[in-house]
């Protein structure tokens, strides 16, 4: 069934999108928490957001590479 296969593929890509967003949001929340806890300027928020974006992109590329 081609319709079922495309639905499964779409669900996999949607899951990758949620995973990507979740990793970035986790970095933002952790950075914000550390900045508030330590009383620093938004230093940790910036670093952990960028780190989350890098990690999420790396994970996304790895997932796409292994599924191809």
Protein backbone atom coordinates (compact mmCIF):
# COMPACT_ATOMS: atom_id res chain seq x y z
CA UNK A 1 0.00 0.00 0.00
CA UNK A 2 1.69 3.21 -1.15
CA UNK A 3 -0.61 5.41 0.95
CA UNK A 4 0.31 3.56 4.12
CA UNK A 5 4.03 3.74 3.32
CA UNK A 6 3.88 7.49 2.74
CA UNK A 7 1.95 7.93 5.97
CA UNK A 8 4.62 6.02 7.90
CA UNK A 9 7.39 8.04 6.25
CA UNK A 10 5.58 11.27 7.08
CA UNK A 11 5.20 10.23 10.70
CA UNK A 12 8.93 9.47 10.92
CA UNK A 13 9.86 12.89 9.57
CA UNK A 14 7.38 14.55 11.90
CA UNK A 15 8.96 12.70 14.83
CA UNK A 16 12.39 13.96 13.72
CA UNK A 17 11.02 17.51 13.68
CA UNK A 18 9.65 17.16 17.21
CA UNK A 19 12.95 15.67 18.37
CA UNK A 20 14.90 18.56 16.81
CA UNK A 21 12.64 21.15 18.44
CA UNK A 22 12.70 19.34 21.78
CA UNK A 23 16.50 19.33 21.96
CA UNK A 24 16.69 23.06 21.17
CA UNK A 25 13.94 23.94 23.67
CA UNK A 26 15.67 21.85 26.34
CA UNK A 27 18.86 23.88 25.77
CA UNK A 28 16.95 27.15 26.07
CA UNK A 29 15.20 26.10 29.28
CA UNK A 30 18.38 24.75 30.88
CA UNK A 31 20.30 27.92 29.96
CA UNK A 32 17.56 30.16 31.27
CA UNK A 33 17.43 28.21 34.53
CA UNK A 34 21.21 28.41 34.98
CA UNK A 35 21.26 32.15 34.24
CA UNK A 36 18.52 32.82 36.78
CA UNK A 37 20.11 30.53 39.38
CA UNK A 38 23.62 32.00 39.00
CA UNK A 39 22.54 35.59 38.34
CA UNK A 40 24.51 35.82 35.10
CA UNK A 41 23.59 37.68 31.93
CA UNK A 42 22.05 35.44 29.27
CA UNK A 43 25.39 33.72 28.76
CA UNK A 44 24.29 30.17 29.49
CA UNK A 45 21.06 30.65 27.55
CA UNK A 46 22.99 31.61 24.43
CA UNK A 47 25.60 28.88 24.77
CA UNK A 48 23.14 26.10 25.56
CA UNK A 49 20.78 27.22 22.81
CA UNK A 50 23.60 27.12 20.26
CA UNK A 51 24.79 23.81 21.68
CA UNK A 52 21.27 22.42 21.46
CA UNK A 53 20.97 23.56 17.86
CA UNK A 54 24.29 21.97 16.98
CA UNK A 55 23.41 18.73 18.77
CA UNK A 56 19.94 18.60 17.21
CA UNK A 57 21.32 19.19 13.73
CA UNK A 58 23.93 16.50 14.24
CA UNK A 59 21.28 14.07 15.49
CA UNK A 60 18.97 14.94 12.58
CA UNK A 61 21.68 14.37 9.98
CA UNK A 62 22.70 11.09 11.64
CA UNK A 63 19.09 9.88 11.68
CA UNK A 64 18.54 10.76 8.04
CA UNK A 65 21.82 9.10 7.05
CA UNK A 66 21.01 5.82 8.81
CA UNK A 67 17.48 5.65 7.37
CA UNK A 68 18.54 6.18 3.77
